[in-house]
């Protein structure tokens, strides 16, 4: 896992990430990963994502620190996709914006623990081929919990599919930040900005 976001089967219809709703009869379930899940997840990520990914030991450390950093997509008891994040502290967000965050081996000072409200969320890796794309609908709902709903989402897509996915869900390139960085401003933050302007 690293500075990678990819998705198979994304369409070009624009949607707002915070408004996505899981289907009532979803064929995919989503849950935080356990350490026992990591071998299957790391194998899936290595098969599906281009480029360099984080070492197993790094993924294990990140998940041990905050298991909500990795949400698994399952169908029929089999892992079919994953949504890996780095929940960032204010220091982690600052390092991300100036290009000093090391996604392949993040400094623990940059990572928010499970009981901390993150300052931002970095989309570490997204693997959602075919039907697993339904998992993203569940991730949207998960990230609307009070602890996460104000944490803007950041990503650095490295495939055309990843760029299309980011743009179709409301992310935009972030000017003046590290090259290739996209940001999705959470709906709660947009609502707060409108209230302050009134």
C-alpha atoms as a PDB file:
ATOM      1  CA  UNK A   1       0.000   0.000   0.000  1.00  0.00           C
ATOM      2  CA  UNK A   2       1.203   3.492  -0.662  1.00  0.00           C
ATOM      3  CA  UNK A   3       0.203   6.627  -2.483  1.00  0.00           C
ATOM      4  CA  UNK A   4      -2.157   4.673  -4.682  1.00  0.00           C
ATOM      5  CA  UNK A   5      -5.859   4.831  -5.381  1.00  0.00           C
ATOM      6  CA  UNK A   6      -7.458   2.689  -8.060  1.00  0.00           C
ATOM      7  CA  UNK A   7     -10.881   1.369  -8.851  1.00  0.00           C
ATOM      8  CA  UNK A   8     -12.234  -0.879 -11.529  1.00  0.00           C
ATOM      9  CA  UNK A   9     -15.593  -0.189 -13.106  1.00  0.00           C
ATOM     10  CA  UNK A  10     -16.045   3.430 -12.005  1.00  0.00           C
ATOM     11  CA  UNK A  11     -18.443   5.301 -14.227  1.00  0.00           C
ATOM     12  CA  UNK A  12     -18.213   8.921 -15.255  1.00  0.00           C
ATOM     13  CA  UNK A  13     -21.356  10.058 -13.406  1.00  0.00           C
ATOM     14  CA  UNK A  14     -20.523  12.674 -10.776  1.00  0.00           C
ATOM     15  CA  UNK A  15     -21.657  11.989  -7.241  1.00  0.00           C
ATOM     16  CA  UNK A  16     -20.842  13.485  -3.884  1.00  0.00           C
ATOM     17  CA  UNK A  17     -18.948  10.998  -1.706  1.00  0.00           C
ATOM     18  CA  UNK A  18     -20.776  12.075   1.460  1.00  0.00           C
ATOM     19  CA  UNK A  19     -24.164  11.447  -0.162  1.00  0.00           C
ATOM     20  CA  UNK A  20     -23.523   7.857  -1.286  1.00  0.00           C
ATOM     21  CA  UNK A  21     -25.891   5.287   0.207  1.00  0.00           C
ATOM     22  CA  UNK A  22     -25.388   1.513   0.369  1.00  0.00           C
ATOM     23  CA  UNK A  23     -27.972  -0.498  -1.502  1.00  0.00           C
ATOM     24  CA  UNK A  24     -30.570  -2.272   0.633  1.00  0.00           C
ATOM     25  CA  UNK A  25     -29.671  -5.627  -0.886  1.00  0.00           C
ATOM     26  CA  UNK A  26     -25.920  -5.087  -1.110  1.00  0.00           C
ATOM     27  CA  UNK A  27     -23.950  -8.166  -2.059  1.00  0.00           C
ATOM     28  CA  UNK A  28     -20.870  -6.795  -0.323  1.00  0.00           C
ATOM     29  CA  UNK A  29     -20.302  -6.328   3.404  1.00  0.00           C
ATOM     30  CA  UNK A  30     -17.713  -3.992   4.888  1.00  0.00           C
ATOM     31  CA  UNK A  31     -15.928  -4.306   8.220  1.00  0.00           C
ATOM     32  CA  UNK A  32     -12.648  -3.176   9.811  1.00  0.00           C
ATOM     33  CA  UNK A  33      -9.800  -5.601   9.234  1.00  0.00           C
ATOM     34  CA  UNK A  34      -8.228  -7.779  11.874  1.00  0.00           C
ATOM     35  CA  UNK A  35      -4.628  -8.929  11.898  1.00  0.00           C
ATOM     36  CA  UNK A  36      -5.865 -12.332  10.711  1.00  0.00           C
ATOM     37  CA  UNK A  37      -7.232 -10.684   7.556  1.00  0.00           C
ATOM     38  CA  UNK A  38      -3.929  -9.136   6.509  1.00  0.00           C
ATOM     39  CA  UNK A  39      -2.440 -11.995   4.457  1.00  0.00           C
ATOM     40  CA  UNK A  40      -5.507 -12.136   2.177  1.00  0.00           C
ATOM     41  CA  UNK A  41      -5.664  -8.337   1.918  1.00  0.00           C
ATOM     42  CA  UNK A  42      -1.980  -7.918   1.133  1.00  0.00           C
ATOM     43  CA  UNK A  43      -2.213 -10.612  -1.548  1.00  0.00           C
ATOM     44  CA  UNK A  44      -5.234  -8.887  -3.126  1.00  0.00           C
ATOM     45  CA  UNK A  45      -3.521  -5.478  -3.039  1.00  0.00           C
ATOM     46  CA  UNK A  46      -0.313  -6.847  -4.578  1.00  0.00           C
ATOM     47  CA  UNK A  47      -2.308  -8.455  -7.408  1.00  0.00           C
ATOM     48  CA  UNK A  48      -4.545  -5.461  -8.144  1.00  0.00           C
ATOM     49  CA  UNK A  49      -2.450  -2.333  -7.654  1.00  0.00           C
ATOM     50  CA  UNK A  50       0.322  -1.110  -9.906  1.00  0.00           C
ATOM     51  CA  UNK A  51       3.571   0.184  -8.488  1.00  0.00           C
ATOM     52  CA  UNK A  52       5.163  -0.132  -5.114  1.00  0.00           C
ATOM     53  CA  UNK A  53       3.059  -0.957  -2.065  1.00  0.00           C
ATOM     54  CA  UNK A  54       3.805  -0.823   1.654  1.00  0.00           C
ATOM     55  CA  UNK A  55       5.474  -3.830   3.217  1.00  0.00           C
ATOM     56  CA  UNK A  56       3.368  -6.315   5.167  1.00  0.00           C
ATOM     57  CA  UNK A  57       5.070  -5.226   8.402  1.00  0.00           C
ATOM     58  CA  UNK A  58       4.074  -1.591   7.772  1.00  0.00           C
ATOM     59  CA  UNK A  59       0.453  -2.516   7.046  1.00  0.00           C
ATOM     60  CA  UNK A  60       0.401  -4.628  10.214  1.00  0.00           C
ATOM     61  CA  UNK A  61       1.751  -1.731  12.288  1.00  0.00           C
ATOM     62  CA  UNK A  62      -0.740   0.761  10.830  1.00  0.00           C
ATOM     63  CA  UNK A  63      -3.667  -1.593  11.449  1.00  0.00           C
ATOM     64  CA  UNK A  64      -2.452  -2.440  14.957  1.00  0.00           C
ATOM     65  CA  UNK A  65      -2.466   1.279  15.722  1.00  0.00           C
ATOM     66  CA  UNK A  66      -5.958   1.863  14.321  1.00  0.00           C
ATOM     67  CA  UNK A  67      -7.869  -1.038  12.792  1.00  0.00           C
ATOM     68  CA  UNK A  68     -10.294   1.429  11.155  1.00  0.00           C
ATOM     69  CA  UNK A  69      -7.458   2.325   8.774  1.00  0.00           C
ATOM     70  CA  UNK A  70      -8.381  -0.759   6.752  1.00  0.00           C
ATOM     71  CA  UNK A  71     -11.934  -1.655   5.779  1.00  0.00           C
ATOM     72  CA  UNK A  72     -12.479  -4.967   4.008  1.00  0.00           C
ATOM     73  CA  UNK A  73     -15.054  -5.679   1.333  1.00  0.00           C
ATOM     74  CA  UNK A  74     -16.318  -9.251   1.572  1.00  0.00           C
ATOM     75  CA  UNK A  75     -18.736 -11.331  -0.432  1.00  0.00           C
ATOM     76  CA  UNK A  76     -19.716 -14.811   0.616  1.00  0.00           C
ATOM     77  CA  UNK A  77     -17.009 -14.802   3.291  1.00  0.00           C
ATOM     78  CA  UNK A  78     -14.256 -14.007   0.769  1.00  0.00           C
ATOM     79  CA  UNK A  79     -12.278 -10.744   0.668  1.00  0.00           C
ATOM     80  CA  UNK A  80     -13.052  -9.048  -2.656  1.00  0.00           C
ATOM     81  CA  UNK A  81     -11.779  -5.525  -2.027  1.00  0.00           C
ATOM     82  CA  UNK A  82     -10.318  -3.100   0.478  1.00  0.00           C
ATOM     83  CA  UNK A  83     -10.303   0.572   1.394  1.00  0.00           C
ATOM     84  CA  UNK A  84      -7.092   1.442   3.204  1.00  0.00           C
ATOM     85  CA  UNK A  85      -6.685   4.825   4.879  1.00  0.00           C
ATOM     86  CA  UNK A  86      -4.236   6.696   7.027  1.00  0.00           C
ATOM     87  CA  UNK A  87      -6.163   8.561   9.712  1.00  0.00           C
ATOM     88  CA  UNK A  88      -3.916  11.582  10.165  1.00  0.00           C
ATOM     89  CA  UNK A  89      -3.045  13.773  13.132  1.00  0.00           C
ATOM     90  CA  UNK A  90      -2.548  17.528  12.559  1.00  0.00           C
ATOM     91  CA  UNK A  91       1.182  16.800  12.126  1.00  0.00           C
ATOM     92  CA  UNK A  92       0.350  14.106   9.575  1.00  0.00           C
ATOM     93  CA  UNK A  93      -1.872  16.506   7.633  1.00  0.00           C
ATOM     94  CA  UNK A  94       0.826  19.167   7.624  1.00  0.00           C
ATOM     95  CA  UNK A  95       3.418  16.691   6.345  1.00  0.00           C
ATOM     96  CA  UNK A  96       1.013  15.465   3.663  1.00  0.00           C
ATOM     97  CA  UNK A  97       0.385  18.992   2.380  1.00  0.00           C
ATOM     98  CA  UNK A  98       4.080  19.847   2.124  1.00  0.00           C
ATOM     99  CA  UNK A  99       5.028  16.491   0.614  1.00  0.00           C
ATOM    100  CA  UNK A 100       6.840  15.085   3.646  1.00  0.00           C
ATOM    101  CA  UNK A 101       4.455  12.254   4.549  1.00  0.00           C
ATOM    102  CA  UNK A 102       5.986   8.864   3.707  1.00  0.00           C
ATOM    103  CA  UNK A 103       2.962   6.728   2.725  1.00  0.00           C
ATOM    104  CA  UNK A 104       5.006   3.545   2.293  1.00  0.00           C
ATOM    105  CA  UNK A 105       6.245   3.811   5.893  1.00  0.00           C
ATOM    106  CA  UNK A 106       4.380   6.561   7.782  1.00  0.00           C
ATOM    107  CA  UNK A 107       5.819   7.968  10.992  1.00  0.00           C
ATOM    108  CA  UNK A 108       3.527   6.968  13.917  1.00  0.00           C
ATOM    109  CA  UNK A 109       3.411  10.635  15.015  1.00  0.00           C
ATOM    110  CA  UNK A 110       1.400  11.263  11.822  1.00  0.00           C
ATOM    111  CA  UNK A 111      -1.258   8.648  12.611  1.00  0.00           C
ATOM    112  CA  UNK A 112      -4.366   9.133  14.731  1.00  0.00           C
ATOM    113  CA  UNK A 113      -5.189   6.244  17.055  1.00  0.00           C
ATOM    114  CA  UNK A 114      -8.621   4.625  16.999  1.00  0.00           C
ATOM    115  CA  UNK A 115      -9.904   6.813  19.830  1.00  0.00           C
ATOM    116  CA  UNK A 116      -8.678  10.081  18.262  1.00  0.00           C
ATOM    117  CA  UNK A 117     -10.649  12.253  15.867  1.00  0.00           C
ATOM    118  CA  UNK A 118      -8.459  12.505  12.752  1.00  0.00           C
ATOM    119  CA  UNK A 119      -7.484  15.888  11.332  1.00  0.00           C
ATOM    120  CA  UNK A 120      -7.718  14.376   7.832  1.00  0.00           C
ATOM    121  CA  UNK A 121      -7.935  11.013   6.109  1.00  0.00           C
ATOM    122  CA  UNK A 122      -5.474   9.960   3.419  1.00  0.00           C
ATOM    123  CA  UNK A 123      -6.803   7.318   1.028  1.00  0.00           C
ATOM    124  CA  UNK A 124      -3.864   4.942   1.168  1.00  0.00           C
ATOM    125  CA  UNK A 125      -5.144   2.349  -1.306  1.00  0.00           C
ATOM    126  CA  UNK A 126      -8.516   1.425  -2.743  1.00  0.00           C
ATOM    127  CA  UNK A 127      -9.097  -1.933  -4.407  1.00  0.00           C
ATOM    128  CA  UNK A 128     -12.650  -2.374  -5.612  1.00  0.00           C
ATOM    129  CA  UNK A 129     -12.858  -4.435  -8.786  1.00  0.00           C
ATOM    130  CA  UNK A 130     -16.256  -5.266 -10.270  1.00  0.00           C
ATOM    131  CA  UNK A 131     -18.942  -5.847  -7.622  1.00  0.00           C
ATOM    132  CA  UNK A 132     -16.647  -4.735  -4.791  1.00  0.00           C
ATOM    133  CA  UNK A 133     -17.283  -1.163  -5.887  1.00  0.00           C
ATOM    134  CA  UNK A 134     -20.401  -1.477  -3.714  1.00  0.00           C
ATOM    135  CA  UNK A 135     -18.049  -1.377  -0.738  1.00  0.00           C
ATOM    136  CA  UNK A 136     -17.305   2.292  -1.405  1.00  0.00           C
ATOM    137  CA  UNK A 137     -20.961   3.060  -0.697  1.00  0.00           C
ATOM    138  CA  UNK A 138     -20.530   1.482   2.745  1.00  0.00           C
ATOM    139  CA  UNK A 139     -17.254   3.358   3.334  1.00  0.00           C
ATOM    140  CA  UNK A 140     -19.051   6.644   2.706  1.00  0.00           C
ATOM    141  CA  UNK A 141     -21.583   5.759   5.394  1.00  0.00           C
ATOM    142  CA  UNK A 142     -18.824   4.624   7.790  1.00  0.00           C
ATOM    143  CA  UNK A 143     -16.914   7.884   7.346  1.00  0.00           C
ATOM    144  CA  UNK A 144     -20.007   9.959   8.128  1.00  0.00           C
ATOM    145  CA  UNK A 145     -19.811   8.907  11.786  1.00  0.00           C
ATOM    146  CA  UNK A 146     -19.336  11.951  14.075  1.00  0.00           C
ATOM    147  CA  UNK A 147     -15.663  11.121  14.661  1.00  0.00           C
ATOM    148  CA  UNK A 148     -14.851  11.208  10.932  1.00  0.00           C
ATOM    149  CA  UNK A 149     -17.353  13.503   9.216  1.00  0.00           C
ATOM    150  CA  UNK A 150     -15.204  16.656   9.441  1.00  0.00           C
ATOM    151  CA  UNK A 151     -11.973  14.976   8.270  1.00  0.00           C
ATOM    152  CA  UNK A 152     -11.381  15.986   4.652  1.00  0.00           C
ATOM    153  CA  UNK A 153     -10.232  13.163   2.373  1.00  0.00           C
ATOM    154  CA  UNK A 154      -6.964  13.306   0.478  1.00  0.00           C
ATOM    155  CA  UNK A 155      -5.568  11.004  -2.173  1.00  0.00           C
ATOM    156  CA  UNK A 156      -2.853  10.754  -4.754  1.00  0.00           C
ATOM    157  CA  UNK A 157      -4.278   8.671  -7.617  1.00  0.00           C
ATOM    158  CA  UNK A 158      -1.717   7.096  -9.901  1.00  0.00           C
ATOM    159  CA  UNK A 159      -3.956   5.496 -12.522  1.00  0.00           C
ATOM    160  CA  UNK A 160      -6.469   6.994 -14.966  1.00  0.00           C
ATOM    161  CA  UNK A 161      -9.188   4.994 -13.185  1.00  0.00           C
ATOM    162  CA  UNK A 162      -8.100   6.452  -9.851  1.00  0.00           C
ATOM    163  CA  UNK A 163      -8.275   9.999 -11.190  1.00  0.00           C
ATOM    164  CA  UNK A 164     -11.737   9.347 -12.669  1.00  0.00           C
ATOM    165  CA  UNK A 165     -12.957   7.885  -9.373  1.00  0.00           C
ATOM    166  CA  UNK A 166     -11.667  10.850  -7.365  1.00  0.00           C
ATOM    167  CA  UNK A 167     -13.197  13.411  -9.706  1.00  0.00           C
ATOM    168  CA  UNK A 168     -16.505  11.540 -10.008  1.00  0.00           C
ATOM    169  CA  UNK A 169     -16.864  11.533  -6.189  1.00  0.00           C
ATOM    170  CA  UNK A 170     -16.106  15.231  -5.742  1.00  0.00           C
ATOM    171  CA  UNK A 171     -12.331  15.359  -5.200  1.00  0.00           C
ATOM    172  CA  UNK A 172     -10.332  18.097  -6.863  1.00  0.00           C
ATOM    173  CA  UNK A 173      -6.603  18.669  -7.356  1.00  0.00           C
ATOM    174  CA  UNK A 174      -5.252  20.702  -4.460  1.00  0.00           C
ATOM    175  CA  UNK A 175      -3.359  23.731  -5.735  1.00  0.00           C
ATOM    176  CA  UNK A 176      -0.251  24.738  -3.829  1.00  0.00           C
ATOM    177  CA  UNK A 177       0.141  21.357  -2.126  1.00  0.00           C
ATOM    178  CA  UNK A 178       2.412  18.426  -2.925  1.00  0.00           C
ATOM    179  CA  UNK A 179       2.078  17.465  -6.631  1.00  0.00           C
ATOM    180  CA  UNK A 180      -0.714  15.077  -7.568  1.00  0.00           C
ATOM    181  CA  UNK A 181      -2.647  15.541  -4.340  1.00  0.00           C
ATOM    182  CA  UNK A 182      -6.454  15.589  -4.507  1.00  0.00           C
ATOM    183  CA  UNK A 183      -8.812  16.761  -1.748  1.00  0.00           C
ATOM    184  CA  UNK A 184     -12.441  16.051  -1.037  1.00  0.00           C
ATOM    185  CA  UNK A 185     -13.970  18.686   1.248  1.00  0.00           C
ATOM    186  CA  UNK A 186     -16.473  16.984   3.521  1.00  0.00           C
ATOM    187  CA  UNK A 187     -20.095  18.057   3.345  1.00  0.00           C
ATOM    188  CA  UNK A 188     -20.057  18.969   7.047  1.00  0.00           C
ATOM    189  CA  UNK A 189     -17.176  21.389   6.419  1.00  0.00           C
ATOM    190  CA  UNK A 190     -18.985  22.966   3.477  1.00  0.00           C
ATOM    191  CA  UNK A 191     -22.096  23.431   5.613  1.00  0.00           C
ATOM    192  CA  UNK A 192     -20.014  25.042   8.400  1.00  0.00           C
ATOM    193  CA  UNK A 193     -18.420  27.419   5.869  1.00  0.00           C
ATOM    194  CA  UNK A 194     -21.853  28.485   4.605  1.00  0.00           C
ATOM    195  CA  UNK A 195     -23.072  29.117   8.154  1.00  0.00           C
ATOM    196  CA  UNK A 196     -20.033  31.310   8.906  1.00  0.00           C
ATOM    197  CA  UNK A 197     -20.559  33.284   5.693  1.00  0.00           C
ATOM    198  CA  UNK A 198     -24.205  34.009   6.535  1.00  0.00           C
END
